[in-house]
PDB file of N, CA and C in Angstrom:
ATOM      1  N   MET A   1       5.103  -3.111   1.964  1.00  0.00           N
ATOM      2  CA  MET A   1       3.669  -3.689   1.932  1.00  0.00           C
ATOM      3  C   MET A   1       3.168  -2.653   1.011  1.00  0.00           C
ATOM      4  N   THR A   2       2.326  -3.127   0.260  1.00  0.00           N
ATOM      5  CA  THR A   2       1.730  -2.235  -0.972  1.00  0.00           C
ATOM      6  C   THR A   2       0.143  -1.980  -0.075  1.00  0.00           C
ATOM      7  N   ILE A   3      -0.451  -0.962  -0.713  1.00  0.00           N
ATOM      8  CA  ILE A   3      -1.662  -0.426  -0.394  1.00  0.00           C
ATOM      9  C   ILE A   3      -2.963  -1.558  -0.405  1.00  0.00           C
ATOM     10  N   GLY A   4      -2.491  -2.430  -1.975  1.00  0.00           N
ATOM     11  CA  GLY A   4      -3.339  -3.424  -1.992  1.00  0.00           C
ATOM     12  C   GLY A   4      -3.417  -4.530  -0.864  1.00  0.00           C
ATOM     13  N   SER A   5      -2.200  -4.954  -0.267  1.00  0.00           N
ATOM     14  CA  SER A   5      -2.195  -5.984   0.417  1.00  0.00           C
ATOM     15  C   SER A   5      -2.432  -5.578   1.768  1.00  0.00           C
ATOM     16  N   SER A   6      -2.259  -4.341   1.923  1.00  0.00           N
ATOM     17  CA  SER A   6      -2.824  -3.850   3.463  1.00  0.00           C
ATOM     18  C   SER A   6      -4.595  -3.819   3.456  1.00  0.00           C
ATOM     19  N   ILE A   7      -5.266  -3.790   2.406  1.00  0.00           N
ATOM     20  CA  ILE A   7      -6.612  -3.513   2.184  1.00  0.00           C
ATOM     21  C   ILE A   7      -6.841  -5.061   2.382  1.00  0.00           C
ATOM     22  N   LEU A   8      -6.084  -6.079   1.934  1.00  0.00           N
ATOM     23  CA  LEU A   8      -6.281  -7.497   1.814  1.00  0.00           C
ATOM     24  C   LEU A   8      -6.301  -7.793   3.286  1.00  0.00           C
ATOM     25  N   LEU A   9      -5.237  -7.459   3.873  1.00  0.00           N
ATOM     26  CA  LEU A   9      -4.982  -8.091   5.329  1.00  0.00           C
ATOM     27  C   LEU A   9      -6.421  -7.482   6.468  1.00  0.00           C
ATOM     28  N   ILE A  10      -6.568  -6.216   5.972  1.00  0.00           N
ATOM     29  CA  ILE A  10      -7.894  -5.606   6.805  1.00  0.00           C
ATOM     30  C   ILE A  10      -9.004  -6.340   6.701  1.00  0.00           C
ATOM     31  N   ALA A  11      -9.249  -6.752   5.489  1.00  0.00           N
ATOM     32  CA  ALA A  11     -10.233  -7.191   4.958  1.00  0.00           C
ATOM     33  C   ALA A  11     -10.216  -8.732   5.700  1.00  0.00           C
ATOM     34  N   ILE A  12      -9.451  -9.637   5.512  1.00  0.00           N
ATOM     35  CA  ILE A  12      -9.341 -10.968   6.230  1.00  0.00           C
ATOM     36  C   ILE A  12      -9.396 -10.914   7.666  1.00  0.00           C
ATOM     37  N   GLY A  13      -8.859  -9.731   8.109  1.00  0.00           N
ATOM     38  CA  GLY A  13      -9.072  -9.404   9.587  1.00  0.00           C
ATOM     39  C   GLY A  13     -10.224  -9.301  10.059  1.00  0.00           C
ATOM     40  N   ALA A  14     -10.899  -8.550   9.320  1.00  0.00           N
ATOM     41  CA  ALA A  14     -12.211  -8.062   9.815  1.00  0.00           C
ATOM     42  C   ALA A  14     -13.114  -9.103   9.823  1.00  0.00           C
ATOM     43  N   ILE A  15     -12.879  -9.879   8.749  1.00  0.00           N
ATOM     44  CA  ILE A  15     -14.046 -11.283   8.369  1.00  0.00           C
ATOM     45  C   ILE A  15     -13.701 -12.258   9.839  1.00  0.00           C
ATOM     46  N   LEU A  16     -12.062 -12.381  10.139  1.00  0.00           N
ATOM     47  CA  LEU A  16     -11.986 -13.673  10.989  1.00  0.00           C
ATOM     48  C   LEU A  16     -12.612 -12.910  12.358  1.00  0.00           C
ATOM     49  N   LYS A  17     -12.400 -11.595  12.463  1.00  0.00           N
ATOM     50  CA  LYS A  17     -13.043 -11.044  13.640  1.00  0.00           C
ATOM     51  C   LYS A  17     -14.149 -10.951  14.088  1.00  0.00           C
ATOM     52  N   TRP A  18     -15.089 -10.435  12.995  1.00  0.00           N
ATOM     53  CA  TRP A  18     -16.529 -10.151  13.496  1.00  0.00           C
ATOM     54  C   TRP A  18     -17.650 -11.357  12.741  1.00  0.00           C
ATOM     55  N   ALA A  19     -17.016 -12.096  11.481  1.00  0.00           N
ATOM     56  CA  ALA A  19     -17.850 -12.906  10.602  1.00  0.00           C
ATOM     57  C   ALA A  19     -17.628 -14.322  11.399  1.00  0.00           C
ATOM     58  N   VAL A  20     -16.689 -14.911  11.698  1.00  0.00           N
ATOM     59  CA  VAL A  20     -16.492 -16.455  11.657  1.00  0.00           C
ATOM     60  C   VAL A  20     -16.710 -16.372  13.233  1.00  0.00           C
ATOM     61  N   THR A  21     -17.522 -17.165  13.696  1.00  0.00           N
ATOM     62  CA  THR A  21     -17.969 -17.415  14.852  1.00  0.00           C
ATOM     63  C   THR A  21     -17.524 -19.028  15.561  1.00  0.00           C
ATOM     64  N   ALA A  22     -16.611 -19.704  14.601  1.00  0.00           N
ATOM     65  CA  ALA A  22     -16.328 -20.965  15.133  1.00  0.00           C
ATOM     66  C   ALA A  22     -15.180 -21.186  16.107  1.00  0.00           C
ATOM     67  N   ASN A  23     -15.491 -22.003  17.013  1.00  0.00           N
ATOM     68  CA  ASN A  23     -14.491 -22.209  18.318  1.00  0.00           C
ATOM     69  C   ASN A  23     -13.613 -23.307  17.668  1.00  0.00           C
ATOM     70  N   VAL A  24     -12.129 -22.955  17.937  1.00  0.00           N
ATOM     71  CA  VAL A  24     -11.024 -23.856  17.629  1.00  0.00           C
ATOM     72  C   VAL A  24     -10.312 -24.310  19.089  1.00  0.00           C
ATOM     73  N   LYS A  25     -10.157 -25.131  19.457  1.00  0.00           N
ATOM     74  CA  LYS A  25      -9.418 -25.651  20.642  1.00  0.00           C
ATOM     75  C   LYS A  25      -7.833 -25.238  20.221  1.00  0.00           C
ATOM     76  N   GLY A  26      -7.459 -24.240  21.193  1.00  0.00           N
ATOM     77  CA  GLY A  26      -5.916 -23.726  21.234  1.00  0.00           C
ATOM     78  C   GLY A  26      -5.546 -22.785  20.590  1.00  0.00           C
ATOM     79  N   PHE A  27      -6.461 -22.413  19.523  1.00  0.00           N
ATOM     80  CA  PHE A  27      -6.238 -21.179  18.738  1.00  0.00           C
ATOM     81  C   PHE A  27      -7.523 -20.048  18.670  1.00  0.00           C
ATOM     82  N   ASN A  28      -7.266 -18.918  18.870  1.00  0.00           N
ATOM     83  CA  ASN A  28      -8.594 -17.844  18.793  1.00  0.00           C
ATOM     84  C   ASN A  28      -8.701 -16.896  17.670  1.00  0.00           C
ATOM     85  N   ILE A  29      -9.762 -17.565  16.852  1.00  0.00           N
ATOM     86  CA  ILE A  29      -9.860 -17.224  15.443  1.00  0.00           C
ATOM     87  C   ILE A  29     -10.058 -15.445  15.403  1.00  0.00           C
ATOM     88  N   GLN A  30     -10.723 -15.061  16.760  1.00  0.00           N
ATOM     89  CA  GLN A  30     -10.935 -13.380  16.874  1.00  0.00           C
ATOM     90  C   GLN A  30      -9.813 -12.973  17.030  1.00  0.00           C
ATOM     91  N   THR A  31      -8.811 -13.576  18.081  1.00  0.00           N
ATOM     92  CA  THR A  31      -7.542 -12.862  18.335  1.00  0.00           C
ATOM     93  C   THR A  31      -6.638 -12.508  16.907  1.00  0.00           C
ATOM     94  N   ALA A  32      -6.620 -13.733  16.164  1.00  0.00           N
ATOM     95  CA  ALA A  32      -5.809 -13.507  15.082  1.00  0.00           C
ATOM     96  C   ALA A  32      -6.539 -12.696  14.025  1.00  0.00           C
ATOM     97  N   GLY A  33      -8.023 -12.508  13.803  1.00  0.00           N
ATOM     98  CA  GLY A  33      -8.810 -11.446  12.906  1.00  0.00           C
ATOM     99  C   GLY A  33      -7.960 -10.182  13.398  1.00  0.00           C
ATOM    100  N   THR A  34      -8.034  -9.854  14.823  1.00  0.00           N
ATOM    101  CA  THR A  34      -7.822  -8.583  15.515  1.00  0.00           C
ATOM    102  C   THR A  34      -6.247  -8.420  15.065  1.00  0.00           C
ATOM    103  N   VAL A  35      -5.160  -9.114  15.384  1.00  0.00           N
ATOM    104  CA  VAL A  35      -3.920  -9.194  14.746  1.00  0.00           C
ATOM    105  C   VAL A  35      -3.661  -9.007  13.175  1.00  0.00           C
ATOM    106  N   LEU A  36      -4.442  -9.290  12.448  1.00  0.00           N
ATOM    107  CA  LEU A  36      -4.494  -9.332  11.074  1.00  0.00           C
ATOM    108  C   LEU A  36      -5.070  -7.690  10.764  1.00  0.00           C
ATOM    109  N   PHE A  37      -6.224  -7.380  11.339  1.00  0.00           N
ATOM    110  CA  PHE A  37      -6.374  -6.354  11.001  1.00  0.00           C
ATOM    111  C   PHE A  37      -5.358  -4.931  11.461  1.00  0.00           C
ATOM    112  N   VAL A  38      -5.016  -5.192  12.691  1.00  0.00           N
ATOM    113  CA  VAL A  38      -3.926  -4.048  13.243  1.00  0.00           C
ATOM    114  C   VAL A  38      -3.006  -4.030  12.147  1.00  0.00           C
ATOM    115  N   VAL A  39      -2.545  -5.322  11.986  1.00  0.00           N
ATOM    116  CA  VAL A  39      -1.195  -5.325  10.978  1.00  0.00           C
ATOM    117  C   VAL A  39      -1.328  -4.648   9.634  1.00  0.00           C
ATOM    118  N   GLY A  40      -2.845  -4.905   9.156  1.00  0.00           N
ATOM    119  CA  GLY A  40      -3.385  -4.198   7.788  1.00  0.00           C
ATOM    120  C   GLY A  40      -3.414  -2.899   7.959  1.00  0.00           C
ATOM    121  N   LEU A  41      -3.750  -2.154   9.229  1.00  0.00           N
ATOM    122  CA  LEU A  41      -4.101  -1.105   9.058  1.00  0.00           C
ATOM    123  C   LEU A  41      -2.356  -0.269   9.478  1.00  0.00           C
ATOM    124  N   VAL A  42      -1.977  -0.843  10.124  1.00  0.00           N
ATOM    125  CA  VAL A  42      -0.504  -0.372  10.122  1.00  0.00           C
ATOM    126  C   VAL A  42       0.388  -0.011   8.976  1.00  0.00           C
ATOM    127  N   GLY A  43       0.181  -1.300   8.494  1.00  0.00           N
ATOM    128  CA  GLY A  43       0.665  -0.943   6.579  1.00  0.00           C
ATOM    129  C   GLY A  43       0.117  -0.275   6.011  1.00  0.00           C
ATOM    130  N   LEU A  44      -1.385  -0.158   6.118  1.00  0.00           N
ATOM    131  CA  LEU A  44      -2.079   0.977   5.062  1.00  0.00           C
ATOM    132  C   LEU A  44      -1.528   2.413   5.357  1.00  0.00           C
ATOM    133  N   VAL A  45      -1.206   2.897   6.696  1.00  0.00           N
ATOM    134  CA  VAL A  45      -0.767   4.143   7.348  1.00  0.00           C
ATOM    135  C   VAL A  45       0.531   4.133   6.354  1.00  0.00           C
ATOM    136  N   LEU A  46       1.424   3.529   6.720  1.00  0.00           N
ATOM    137  CA  LEU A  46       2.832   3.368   6.236  1.00  0.00           C
ATOM    138  C   LEU A  46       2.941   3.627   4.822  1.00  0.00           C
ATOM    139  N   SER A  47       2.042   2.762   4.227  1.00  0.00           N
ATOM    140  CA  SER A  47       2.172   2.631   2.687  1.00  0.00           C
ATOM    141  C   SER A  47       1.726   4.186   2.371  1.00  0.00           C
ATOM    142  N   LEU A  48       0.475   4.833   2.596  1.00  0.00           N
ATOM    143  CA  LEU A  48       0.395   6.057   2.251  1.00  0.00           C
ATOM    144  C   LEU A  48       1.088   7.002   2.856  1.00  0.00           C
ATOM    145  N   ILE A  49       1.565   7.198   3.706  1.00  0.00           N
ATOM    146  CA  ILE A  49       2.910   8.101   4.074  1.00  0.00           C
ATOM    147  C   ILE A  49       3.957   7.879   3.135  1.00  0.00           C
ATOM    148  N   TYR A  50       4.414   6.684   2.886  1.00  0.00           N
ATOM    149  CA  TYR A  50       5.492   6.568   1.838  1.00  0.00           C
ATOM    150  C   TYR A  50       5.208   6.949   0.297  1.00  0.00           C
ATOM    151  N   THR A  51       3.548   6.972   0.074  1.00  0.00           N
ATOM    152  CA  THR A  51       3.423   7.222  -1.530  1.00  0.00           C
ATOM    153  C   THR A  51       3.276   8.711  -1.356  1.00  0.00           C
ATOM    154  N   PHE A  52       2.687   9.295  -0.486  1.00  0.00           N
ATOM    155  CA  PHE A  52       2.379  10.940  -0.131  1.00  0.00           C
ATOM    156  C   PHE A  52       3.754  11.560   0.067  1.00  0.00           C
ATOM    157  N   TYR A  53       4.296  11.293   1.058  1.00  0.00           N
ATOM    158  CA  TYR A  53       5.425  12.203   1.705  1.00  0.00           C
ATOM    159  C   TYR A  53       7.057  11.861   1.183  1.00  0.00           C
ATOM    160  N   TRP A  54       7.251  10.535   1.380  1.00  0.00           N
ATOM    161  CA  TRP A  54       8.692  10.092   1.244  1.00  0.00           C
ATOM    162  C   TRP A  54       8.915  10.011  -0.357  1.00  0.00           C
ATOM    163  N   ALA A  55       7.675   9.908  -1.102  1.00  0.00           N
ATOM    164  CA  ALA A  55       8.371   9.608  -2.624  1.00  0.00           C
ATOM    165  C   ALA A  55       9.174  10.658  -3.040  1.00  0.00           C
ATOM    166  N   ARG A  56       9.703  10.625  -4.363  1.00  0.00           N
ATOM    167  CA  ARG A  56      10.584  11.539  -4.919  1.00  0.00           C
ATOM    168  C   ARG A  56       9.835  12.791  -5.153  1.00  0.00           C
ATOM    169  N   ARG A  57       9.855  13.829  -4.833  1.00  0.00           N
ATOM    170  CA  ARG A  57       9.249  15.085  -5.066  1.00  0.00           C
ATOM    171  C   ARG A  57       9.651  15.946  -6.260  1.00  0.00           C
ATOM    172  N   ASP A  58      11.053  15.736  -6.338  1.00  0.00           N
ATOM    173  CA  ASP A  58      11.743  16.550  -7.574  1.00  0.00           C
ATOM    174  C   ASP A  58      11.226  15.775  -8.837  1.00  0.00           C
ATOM    175  N   THR A  59      10.842  16.470  -9.828  1.00  0.00           N
ATOM    176  CA  THR A  59      10.534  16.245 -11.179  1.00  0.00           C
ATOM    177  C   THR A  59      11.390  17.011 -12.094  1.00  0.00           C
ATOM    178  N   TYR A  60      11.821  15.871 -13.113  1.00  0.00           N
ATOM    179  CA  TYR A  60      12.861  16.315 -14.137  1.00  0.00           C
ATOM    180  C   TYR A  60      12.079  17.147 -15.425  1.00  0.00           C
ATOM    181  N   ASN A  61      12.560  18.329 -15.326  1.00  0.00           N
ATOM    182  CA  ASN A  61      12.135  19.191 -16.196  1.00  0.00           C
ATOM    183  C   ASN A  61      12.864  19.454 -17.468  1.00  0.00           C
ATOM    184  N   GLU A  62      12.942  17.989 -18.469  1.00  0.00           N
ATOM    185  CA  GLU A  62      13.712  18.021 -19.389  1.00  0.00           C
ATOM    186  C   GLU A  62      13.272  19.016 -20.601  1.00  0.00           C
ATOM    187  N   THR A  63      13.942  19.748 -20.863  1.00  0.00           N
ATOM    188  CA  THR A  63      13.828  20.930 -22.098  1.00  0.00           C
ATOM    189  C   THR A  63      14.447  19.871 -23.327  1.00  0.00           C
ATOM    190  N   GLN A  64      13.932  19.532 -24.305  1.00  0.00           N
ATOM    191  CA  GLN A  64      14.910  19.082 -25.439  1.00  0.00           C
ATOM    192  C   GLN A  64      14.948  20.344 -26.629  1.00  0.00           C
ATOM    193  N   VAL A  65      16.202  20.691 -26.576  1.00  0.00           N
ATOM    194  CA  VAL A  65      16.017  21.603 -28.035  1.00  0.00           C
ATOM    195  C   VAL A  65      16.700  21.092 -29.150  1.00  0.00           C
ATOM    196  N   TYR A  66      15.848  21.408 -30.257  1.00  0.00           N
ATOM    197  CA  TYR A  66      16.232  21.117 -31.626  1.00  0.00           C
ATOM    198  C   TYR A  66      16.686  22.011 -32.546  1.00  0.00           C
ATOM    199  N   ARG A  67      17.830  22.099 -32.868  1.00  0.00           N
ATOM    200  CA  ARG A  67      18.597  22.807 -33.735  1.00  0.00           C
ATOM    201  C   ARG A  67      18.359  22.332 -35.240  1.00  0.00           C
ATOM    202  N   ARG A  68      17.983  23.359 -36.031  1.00  0.00           N
ATOM    203  CA  ARG A  68      18.220  23.138 -37.276  1.00  0.00           C
ATOM    204  C   ARG A  68      19.318  23.350 -38.071  1.00  0.00           C
ATOM    205  N   ASN A  69      19.785  22.507 -38.792  1.00  0.00           N
ATOM    206  CA  ASN A  69      21.094  22.301 -39.553  1.00  0.00           C
ATOM    207  C   ASN A  69      20.825  23.415 -40.569  1.00  0.00           C
ATOM    208  N   PRO A  70      21.811  24.254 -40.730  1.00  0.00           N
ATOM    209  CA  PRO A  70      21.712  25.482 -41.816  1.00  0.00           C
ATOM    210  C   PRO A  70      21.629  24.709 -43.175  1.00  0.00           C
ATOM    211  N   PRO A  71      20.769  25.604 -43.798  1.00  0.00           N
ATOM    212  CA  PRO A  71      20.435  25.024 -45.115  1.00  0.00           C
ATOM    213  C   PRO A  71      21.946  24.941 -45.900  1.00  0.00           C
ATOM    214  N   ALA A  72      22.043  23.686 -46.729  1.00  0.00           N
ATOM    215  CA  ALA A  72      23.105  23.685 -47.376  1.00  0.00           C
ATOM    216  C   ALA A  72      23.231  24.599 -48.302  1.00  0.00           C
ATOM    217  N   ALA A  73      24.485  24.872 -48.981  1.00  0.00           N
ATOM    218  CA  ALA A  73      24.970  26.145 -49.646  1.00  0.00           C
ATOM    219  C   ALA A  73      25.041  25.737 -51.186  1.00  0.00           C
TER     220      ALA A  73
END
């Protein structure tokens, strides 16, 4: 899960939790919003940890050496 999809899940979950007031028989919209919100938060935390701590830390220091050909005699 990427950072963008985590933020999208958080936004959808927050809307369902706090902005939607409809009642559906057999399905609680606010509970679904809470679940999406929590899943988005967990995904965001894991994405940030992966990005900053588990990402490859060693960088390649490639030094290119250009040698000039000796002048033609």
